[in-house]
PDB file of N, CA and C in Angstrom:
ATOM      1  N   MET A   1      25.769  26.044 -38.969  1.00  0.00           N
ATOM      2  CA  MET A   1      25.091  24.981 -38.264  1.00  0.00           C
ATOM      3  C   MET A   1      25.313  25.103 -36.766  1.00  0.00           C
ATOM      4  N   PHE A   2      26.505  25.291 -36.345  1.00  0.00           N
ATOM      5  CA  PHE A   2      26.778  25.460 -34.920  1.00  0.00           C
ATOM      6  C   PHE A   2      26.878  26.929 -34.623  1.00  0.00           C
ATOM      7  N   GLY A   3      26.099  27.351 -33.659  1.00  0.00           N
ATOM      8  CA  GLY A   3      26.113  28.768 -33.312  1.00  0.00           C
ATOM      9  C   GLY A   3      26.049  28.927 -31.814  1.00  0.00           C
ATOM     10  N   ALA A   4      25.572  30.048 -31.401  1.00  0.00           N
ATOM     11  CA  ALA A   4      25.519  30.364 -29.977  1.00  0.00           C
ATOM     12  C   ALA A   4      24.482  29.508 -29.240  1.00  0.00           C
ATOM     13  N   ASP A   5      23.475  29.065 -29.941  1.00  0.00           N
ATOM     14  CA  ASP A   5      22.408  28.287 -29.303  1.00  0.00           C
ATOM     15  C   ASP A   5      22.658  26.776 -29.316  1.00  0.00           C
ATOM     16  N   THR A   6      23.759  26.333 -29.872  1.00  0.00           N
ATOM     17  CA  THR A   6      24.036  24.901 -29.988  1.00  0.00           C
ATOM     18  C   THR A   6      24.028  24.187 -28.641  1.00  0.00           C
ATOM     19  N   PRO A   7      24.672  24.702 -27.585  1.00  0.00           N
ATOM     20  CA  PRO A   7      24.621  23.992 -26.297  1.00  0.00           C
ATOM     21  C   PRO A   7      23.190  23.868 -25.752  1.00  0.00           C
ATOM     22  N   LEU A   8      22.357  24.861 -25.976  1.00  0.00           N
ATOM     23  CA  LEU A   8      20.972  24.785 -25.497  1.00  0.00           C
ATOM     24  C   LEU A   8      20.189  23.703 -26.231  1.00  0.00           C
ATOM     25  N   VAL A   9      20.415  23.590 -27.538  1.00  0.00           N
ATOM     26  CA  VAL A   9      19.740  22.569 -28.330  1.00  0.00           C
ATOM     27  C   VAL A   9      20.200  21.181 -27.897  1.00  0.00           C
ATOM     28  N   MET A  10      21.491  21.024 -27.672  1.00  0.00           N
ATOM     29  CA  MET A  10      22.012  19.721 -27.228  1.00  0.00           C
ATOM     30  C   MET A  10      21.454  19.363 -25.854  1.00  0.00           C
ATOM     31  N   ASP A  11      21.375  20.337 -24.953  1.00  0.00           N
ATOM     32  CA  ASP A  11      20.791  20.082 -23.639  1.00  0.00           C
ATOM     33  C   ASP A  11      19.323  19.677 -23.762  1.00  0.00           C
ATOM     34  N   ALA A  12      18.590  20.340 -24.623  1.00  0.00           N
ATOM     35  CA  ALA A  12      17.182  20.011 -24.822  1.00  0.00           C
ATOM     36  C   ALA A  12      17.025  18.603 -25.395  1.00  0.00           C
ATOM     37  N   LEU A  13      17.879  18.223 -26.340  1.00  0.00           N
ATOM     38  CA  LEU A  13      17.820  16.879 -26.918  1.00  0.00           C
ATOM     39  C   LEU A  13      18.171  15.820 -25.875  1.00  0.00           C
ATOM     40  N   GLN A  14      19.145  16.115 -25.043  1.00  0.00           N
ATOM     41  CA  GLN A  14      19.514  15.169 -23.990  1.00  0.00           C
ATOM     42  C   GLN A  14      18.369  15.000 -22.980  1.00  0.00           C
ATOM     43  N   MET A  15      17.750  16.096 -22.591  1.00  0.00           N
ATOM     44  CA  MET A  15      16.621  16.010 -21.656  1.00  0.00           C
ATOM     45  C   MET A  15      15.453  15.262 -22.278  1.00  0.00           C
ATOM     46  N   ALA A  16      15.198  15.465 -23.551  1.00  0.00           N
ATOM     47  CA  ALA A  16      14.115  14.750 -24.226  1.00  0.00           C
ATOM     48  C   ALA A  16      14.418  13.255 -24.291  1.00  0.00           C
ATOM     49  N   ALA A  17      15.676  12.914 -24.553  1.00  0.00           N
ATOM     50  CA  ALA A  17      16.057  11.498 -24.606  1.00  0.00           C
ATOM     51  C   ALA A  17      15.913  10.853 -23.231  1.00  0.00           C
ATOM     52  N   ILE A  18      16.355  11.535 -22.195  1.00  0.00           N
ATOM     53  CA  ILE A  18      16.248  10.993 -20.839  1.00  0.00           C
ATOM     54  C   ILE A  18      14.778  10.846 -20.439  1.00  0.00           C
ATOM     55  N   ALA A  19      13.951  11.826 -20.779  1.00  0.00           N
ATOM     56  CA  ALA A  19      12.531  11.753 -20.449  1.00  0.00           C
ATOM     57  C   ALA A  19      11.855  10.598 -21.184  1.00  0.00           C
ATOM     58  N   SER A  20      12.189  10.420 -22.452  1.00  0.00           N
ATOM     59  CA  SER A  20      11.557   9.326 -23.194  1.00  0.00           C
ATOM     60  C   SER A  20      12.013   7.968 -22.673  1.00  0.00           C
ATOM     61  N   ILE A  21      13.266   7.848 -22.254  1.00  0.00           N
ATOM     62  CA  ILE A  21      13.744   6.585 -21.661  1.00  0.00           C
ATOM     63  C   ILE A  21      13.023   6.322 -20.344  1.00  0.00           C
ATOM     64  N   ALA A  22      12.852   7.360 -19.529  1.00  0.00           N
ATOM     65  CA  ALA A  22      12.169   7.195 -18.243  1.00  0.00           C
ATOM     66  C   ALA A  22      10.714   6.779 -18.444  1.00  0.00           C
ATOM     67  N   VAL A  23      10.027   7.429 -19.367  1.00  0.00           N
ATOM     68  CA  VAL A  23       8.620   7.092 -19.615  1.00  0.00           C
ATOM     69  C   VAL A  23       8.511   5.685 -20.207  1.00  0.00           C
ATOM     70  N   GLY A  24       9.388   5.364 -21.134  1.00  0.00           N
ATOM     71  CA  GLY A  24       9.368   4.019 -21.723  1.00  0.00           C
ATOM     72  C   GLY A  24       9.623   2.940 -20.688  1.00  0.00           C
ATOM     73  N   SER A  25      10.560   3.192 -19.782  1.00  0.00           N
ATOM     74  CA  SER A  25      10.848   2.220 -18.720  1.00  0.00           C
ATOM     75  C   SER A  25       9.654   2.064 -17.785  1.00  0.00           C
ATOM     76  N   ALA A  26       9.019   3.175 -17.441  1.00  0.00           N
ATOM     77  CA  ALA A  26       7.861   3.100 -16.556  1.00  0.00           C
ATOM     78  C   ALA A  26       6.727   2.307 -17.202  1.00  0.00           C
ATOM     79  N   VAL A  27       6.494   2.534 -18.469  1.00  0.00           N
ATOM     80  CA  VAL A  27       5.442   1.795 -19.178  1.00  0.00           C
ATOM     81  C   VAL A  27       5.787   0.308 -19.240  1.00  0.00           C
ATOM     82  N   TRP A  28       7.048   0.010 -19.510  1.00  0.00           N
ATOM     83  CA  TRP A  28       7.475  -1.394 -19.599  1.00  0.00           C
ATOM     84  C   TRP A  28       7.280  -2.094 -18.258  1.00  0.00           C
ATOM     85  N   PHE A  29       7.697  -1.445 -17.146  1.00  0.00           N
ATOM     86  CA  PHE A  29       7.530  -2.058 -15.826  1.00  0.00           C
ATOM     87  C   PHE A  29       6.053  -2.225 -15.476  1.00  0.00           C
ATOM     88  N   PHE A  30       5.221  -1.242 -15.815  1.00  0.00           N
ATOM     89  CA  PHE A  30       3.797  -1.341 -15.543  1.00  0.00           C
ATOM     90  C   PHE A  30       3.172  -2.510 -16.305  1.00  0.00           C
ATOM     91  N   LEU A  31       3.499  -2.618 -17.584  1.00  0.00           N
ATOM     92  CA  LEU A  31       2.928  -3.706 -18.381  1.00  0.00           C
ATOM     93  C   LEU A  31       3.430  -5.064 -17.911  1.00  0.00           C
ATOM     94  N   ARG A  32       4.677  -5.133 -17.487  1.00  0.00           N
ATOM     95  CA  ARG A  32       5.232  -6.387 -16.978  1.00  0.00           C
ATOM     96  C   ARG A  32       4.514  -6.809 -15.699  1.00  0.00           C
ATOM     97  N   LYS A  33       4.307  -5.835 -14.793  1.00  0.00           N
ATOM     98  CA  LYS A  33       3.604  -6.126 -13.546  1.00  0.00           C
ATOM     99  C   LYS A  33       2.167  -6.569 -13.827  1.00  0.00           C
ATOM    100  N   ARG A  34       1.523  -5.906 -14.764  1.00  0.00           N
ATOM    101  CA  ARG A  34       0.152  -6.242 -15.127  1.00  0.00           C
ATOM    102  C   ARG A  34       0.069  -7.647 -15.734  1.00  0.00           C
ATOM    103  N   HIS A  35       1.048  -8.001 -16.544  1.00  0.00           N
ATOM    104  CA  HIS A  35       1.080  -9.324 -17.165  1.00  0.00           C
ATOM    105  C   HIS A  35       1.293 -10.406 -16.106  1.00  0.00           C
ATOM    106  N   LYS A  36       2.178 -10.143 -15.148  1.00  0.00           N
ATOM    107  CA  LYS A  36       2.412 -11.124 -14.083  1.00  0.00           C
ATOM    108  C   LYS A  36       1.167 -11.307 -13.231  1.00  0.00           C
ATOM    109  N   ALA A  37       0.471 -10.203 -12.952  1.00  0.00           N
ATOM    110  CA  ALA A  37      -0.743 -10.290 -12.146  1.00  0.00           C
ATOM    111  C   ALA A  37      -1.828 -11.089 -12.865  1.00  0.00           C
ATOM    112  N   ALA A  38      -1.854 -10.993 -14.182  1.00  0.00           N
ATOM    113  CA  ALA A  38      -2.857 -11.738 -14.950  1.00  0.00           C
ATOM    114  C   ALA A  38      -2.561 -13.235 -14.944  1.00  0.00           C
ATOM    115  N   ASP A  39      -1.288 -13.611 -14.786  1.00  0.00           N
ATOM    116  CA  ASP A  39      -0.918 -15.026 -14.791  1.00  0.00           C
ATOM    117  C   ASP A  39      -1.170 -15.714 -13.458  1.00  0.00           C
ATOM    118  N   GLU A  40      -1.276 -14.937 -12.363  1.00  0.00           N
ATOM    119  CA  GLU A  40      -1.487 -15.536 -11.057  1.00  0.00           C
ATOM    120  C   GLU A  40      -2.915 -16.052 -10.936  1.00  0.00           C
ATOM    121  N   PRO A  41      -3.094 -17.191 -10.256  1.00  0.00           N
ATOM    122  CA  PRO A  41      -4.456 -17.711 -10.105  1.00  0.00           C
ATOM    123  C   PRO A  41      -5.291 -16.806  -9.215  1.00  0.00           C
ATOM    124  N   LYS A  42      -6.513 -16.627  -9.572  1.00  0.00           N
ATOM    125  CA  LYS A  42      -7.445 -15.790  -8.818  1.00  0.00           C
ATOM    126  C   LYS A  42      -8.209 -16.648  -7.819  1.00  0.00           C
ATOM    127  N   ALA A  43      -8.860 -15.976  -6.874  1.00  0.00           N
ATOM    128  CA  ALA A  43      -9.638 -16.703  -5.872  1.00  0.00           C
ATOM    129  C   ALA A  43     -10.806 -17.438  -6.517  1.00  0.00           C
ATOM    130  N   GLY A  44     -11.333 -16.913  -7.613  1.00  0.00           N
ATOM    131  CA  GLY A  44     -12.458 -17.536  -8.287  1.00  0.00           C
ATOM    132  C   GLY A  44     -12.034 -18.403  -9.453  1.00  0.00           C
ATOM    133  N   SER A  45     -10.795 -18.857  -9.436  1.00  0.00           N
ATOM    134  CA  SER A  45     -10.313 -19.667 -10.549  1.00  0.00           C
ATOM    135  C   SER A  45     -11.019 -21.020 -10.558  1.00  0.00           C
ATOM    136  N   PRO A  46     -11.094 -21.658 -11.716  1.00  0.00           N
ATOM    137  CA  PRO A  46     -11.792 -22.953 -11.805  1.00  0.00           C
ATOM    138  C   PRO A  46     -11.189 -24.026 -10.899  1.00  0.00           C
ATOM    139  N   ASP A  47      -9.863 -24.017 -10.722  1.00  0.00           N
ATOM    140  CA  ASP A  47      -9.241 -25.032  -9.866  1.00  0.00           C
ATOM    141  C   ASP A  47      -9.688 -24.860  -8.421  1.00  0.00           C
ATOM    142  N   ASN A  48      -9.696 -23.619  -7.961  1.00  0.00           N
ATOM    143  CA  ASN A  48     -10.092 -23.348  -6.591  1.00  0.00           C
ATOM    144  C   ASN A  48     -11.569 -23.669  -6.393  1.00  0.00           C
ATOM    145  N   LEU A  49     -12.398 -23.291  -7.334  1.00  0.00           N
ATOM    146  CA  LEU A  49     -13.828 -23.575  -7.224  1.00  0.00           C
ATOM    147  C   LEU A  49     -14.102 -25.073  -7.267  1.00  0.00           C
ATOM    148  N   GLU A  50     -13.356 -25.770  -8.114  1.00  0.00           N
ATOM    149  CA  GLU A  50     -13.559 -27.217  -8.215  1.00  0.00           C
ATOM    150  C   GLU A  50     -13.227 -27.912  -6.899  1.00  0.00           C
ATOM    151  N   SER A  51     -12.142 -27.499  -6.244  1.00  0.00           N
ATOM    152  CA  SER A  51     -11.781 -28.127  -4.971  1.00  0.00           C
ATOM    153  C   SER A  51     -12.824 -27.811  -3.899  1.00  0.00           C
ATOM    154  N   ARG A  52     -13.367 -26.611  -3.929  1.00  0.00           N
ATOM    155  CA  ARG A  52     -14.406 -26.268  -2.959  1.00  0.00           C
ATOM    156  C   ARG A  52     -15.674 -27.078  -3.186  1.00  0.00           C
ATOM    157  N   VAL A  53     -16.034 -27.274  -4.449  1.00  0.00           N
ATOM    158  CA  VAL A  53     -17.229 -28.065  -4.755  1.00  0.00           C
ATOM    159  C   VAL A  53     -17.026 -29.510  -4.311  1.00  0.00           C
ATOM    160  N   ARG A  54     -15.822 -30.030  -4.485  1.00  0.00           N
ATOM    161  CA  ARG A  54     -15.547 -31.401  -4.014  1.00  0.00           C
ATOM    162  C   ARG A  54     -15.763 -31.523  -2.513  1.00  0.00           C
ATOM    163  N   VAL A  55     -15.267 -30.541  -1.760  1.00  0.00           N
ATOM    164  CA  VAL A  55     -15.449 -30.570  -0.310  1.00  0.00           C
ATOM    165  C   VAL A  55     -16.934 -30.504   0.036  1.00  0.00           C
ATOM    166  N   LEU A  56     -17.668 -29.631  -0.638  1.00  0.00           N
ATOM    167  CA  LEU A  56     -19.100 -29.518  -0.364  1.00  0.00           C
ATOM    168  C   LEU A  56     -19.836 -30.812  -0.723  1.00  0.00           C
ATOM    169  N   GLU A  57     -19.463 -31.441  -1.829  1.00  0.00           N
ATOM    170  CA  GLU A  57     -20.091 -32.716  -2.200  1.00  0.00           C
ATOM    171  C   GLU A  57     -19.791 -33.783  -1.154  1.00  0.00           C
ATOM    172  N   ARG A  58     -18.562 -33.785  -0.663  1.00  0.00           N
ATOM    173  CA  ARG A  58     -18.196 -34.776   0.341  1.00  0.00           C
ATOM    174  C   ARG A  58     -18.984 -34.553   1.621  1.00  0.00           C
ATOM    175  N   ILE A  59     -19.150 -33.287   2.008  1.00  0.00           N
ATOM    176  CA  ILE A  59     -19.933 -32.983   3.212  1.00  0.00           C
ATOM    177  C   ILE A  59     -21.387 -33.417   3.024  1.00  0.00           C
ATOM    178  N   ALA A  60     -21.925 -33.177   1.845  1.00  0.00           N
ATOM    179  CA  ALA A  60     -23.335 -33.509   1.592  1.00  0.00           C
ATOM    180  C   ALA A  60     -23.563 -35.014   1.512  1.00  0.00           C
ATOM    181  N   THR A  61     -22.573 -35.775   1.049  1.00  0.00           N
ATOM    182  CA  THR A  61     -22.789 -37.202   0.842  1.00  0.00           C
ATOM    183  C   THR A  61     -22.287 -38.070   1.987  1.00  0.00           C
ATOM    184  N   ASP A  62     -21.426 -37.551   2.846  1.00  0.00           N
ATOM    185  CA  ASP A  62     -20.948 -38.348   3.981  1.00  0.00           C
ATOM    186  C   ASP A  62     -22.048 -38.506   5.013  1.00  0.00           C
ATOM    187  N   ARG A  63     -21.943 -39.570   5.739  1.00  0.00           N
ATOM    188  CA  ARG A  63     -22.907 -39.768   6.808  1.00  0.00           C
ATOM    189  C   ARG A  63     -22.648 -38.741   7.901  1.00  0.00           C
ATOM    190  N   ALA A  64     -23.668 -38.316   8.562  1.00  0.00           N
ATOM    191  CA  ALA A  64     -23.583 -37.245   9.558  1.00  0.00           C
ATOM    192  C   ALA A  64     -22.650 -37.623  10.712  1.00  0.00           C
ATOM    193  N   HIS A  65     -22.717 -38.892  11.153  1.00  0.00           N
ATOM    194  CA  HIS A  65     -21.910 -39.319  12.288  1.00  0.00           C
ATOM    195  C   HIS A  65     -20.421 -39.285  11.932  1.00  0.00           C
ATOM    196  N   ASP A  66     -20.055 -39.791  10.756  1.00  0.00           N
ATOM    197  CA  ASP A  66     -18.649 -39.771  10.332  1.00  0.00           C
ATOM    198  C   ASP A  66     -18.140 -38.341  10.179  1.00  0.00           C
ATOM    199  N   LEU A  67     -18.973 -37.498   9.637  1.00  0.00           N
ATOM    200  CA  LEU A  67     -18.595 -36.105   9.436  1.00  0.00           C
ATOM    201  C   LEU A  67     -18.404 -35.407  10.781  1.00  0.00           C
ATOM    202  N   ALA A  68     -19.283 -35.657  11.734  1.00  0.00           N
ATOM    203  CA  ALA A  68     -19.163 -35.047  13.060  1.00  0.00           C
ATOM    204  C   ALA A  68     -17.873 -35.506  13.748  1.00  0.00           C
ATOM    205  N   ASP A  69     -17.552 -36.786  13.612  1.00  0.00           N
ATOM    206  CA  ASP A  69     -16.310 -37.295  14.209  1.00  0.00           C
ATOM    207  C   ASP A  69     -15.085 -36.629  13.582  1.00  0.00           C
ATOM    208  N   GLU A  70     -15.107 -36.461  12.277  1.00  0.00           N
ATOM    209  CA  GLU A  70     -13.970 -35.833  11.605  1.00  0.00           C
ATOM    210  C   GLU A  70     -13.823 -34.370  12.005  1.00  0.00           C
ATOM    211  N   ILE A  71     -14.942 -33.657  12.114  1.00  0.00           N
ATOM    212  CA  ILE A  71     -14.890 -32.250  12.534  1.00  0.00           C
ATOM    213  C   ILE A  71     -14.352 -32.147  13.955  1.00  0.00           C
ATOM    214  N   ASN A  72     -14.798 -33.027  14.825  1.00  0.00           N
ATOM    215  CA  ASN A  72     -14.304 -33.009  16.204  1.00  0.00           C
ATOM    216  C   ASN A  72     -12.817 -33.331  16.273  1.00  0.00           C
ATOM    217  N   SER A  73     -12.353 -34.267  15.463  1.00  0.00           N
ATOM    218  CA  SER A  73     -10.922 -34.588  15.475  1.00  0.00           C
ATOM    219  C   SER A  73     -10.094 -33.408  14.959  1.00  0.00           C
ATOM    220  N   LEU A  74     -10.623 -32.687  13.971  1.00  0.00           N
ATOM    221  CA  LEU A  74      -9.915 -31.496  13.488  1.00  0.00           C
ATOM    222  C   LEU A  74      -9.892 -30.410  14.551  1.00  0.00           C
ATOM    223  N   ARG A  75     -10.989 -30.253  15.268  1.00  0.00           N
ATOM    224  CA  ARG A  75     -11.015 -29.265  16.350  1.00  0.00           C
ATOM    225  C   ARG A  75     -10.024 -29.631  17.443  1.00  0.00           C
ATOM    226  N   ASP A  76      -9.974 -30.918  17.782  1.00  0.00           N
ATOM    227  CA  ASP A  76      -9.032 -31.357  18.825  1.00  0.00           C
ATOM    228  C   ASP A  76      -7.589 -31.152  18.398  1.00  0.00           C
ATOM    229  N   ARG A  77      -7.325 -31.365  17.116  1.00  0.00           N
ATOM    230  CA  ARG A  77      -5.968 -31.204  16.598  1.00  0.00           C
ATOM    231  C   ARG A  77      -5.522 -29.750  16.673  1.00  0.00           C
ATOM    232  N   LYS A  78      -6.446 -28.818  16.391  1.00  0.00           N
ATOM    233  CA  LYS A  78      -6.132 -27.390  16.450  1.00  0.00           C
ATOM    234  C   LYS A  78      -6.211 -26.845  17.877  1.00  0.00           C
ATOM    235  N   GLY A  79      -6.826 -27.562  18.758  1.00  0.00           N
ATOM    236  CA  GLY A  79      -6.966 -27.109  20.131  1.00  0.00           C
ATOM    237  C   GLY A  79      -8.149 -26.204  20.347  1.00  0.00           C
ATOM    238  N   VAL A  80      -9.118 -26.228  19.418  1.00  0.00           N
ATOM    239  CA  VAL A  80     -10.317 -25.389  19.538  1.00  0.00           C
ATOM    240  C   VAL A  80     -11.412 -26.248  20.158  1.00  0.00           C
ATOM    241  N   ASN A  81     -12.049 -25.731  21.187  1.00  0.00           N
ATOM    242  CA  ASN A  81     -13.131 -26.484  21.839  1.00  0.00           C
ATOM    243  C   ASN A  81     -14.423 -25.726  21.763  1.00  0.00           C
TER     244      ASN A  81
END
């Protein structure tokens, strides 16, 4: 069973084990990163779109004079003229 080639076989088995651990770890980290990215809210998420639609509805339904005053106050607050 043990002969002259035994150290070479053991080295090959060790390298195969290390390679499989490295590949398995890389796959695990990739899948973990992908899963986390899927959980983050996207720019087109329903919550974000809903808030934008609310703002647009408010702009469309507010009186023009009140809306102009609010825009001007926001500009003054930011220092944009």
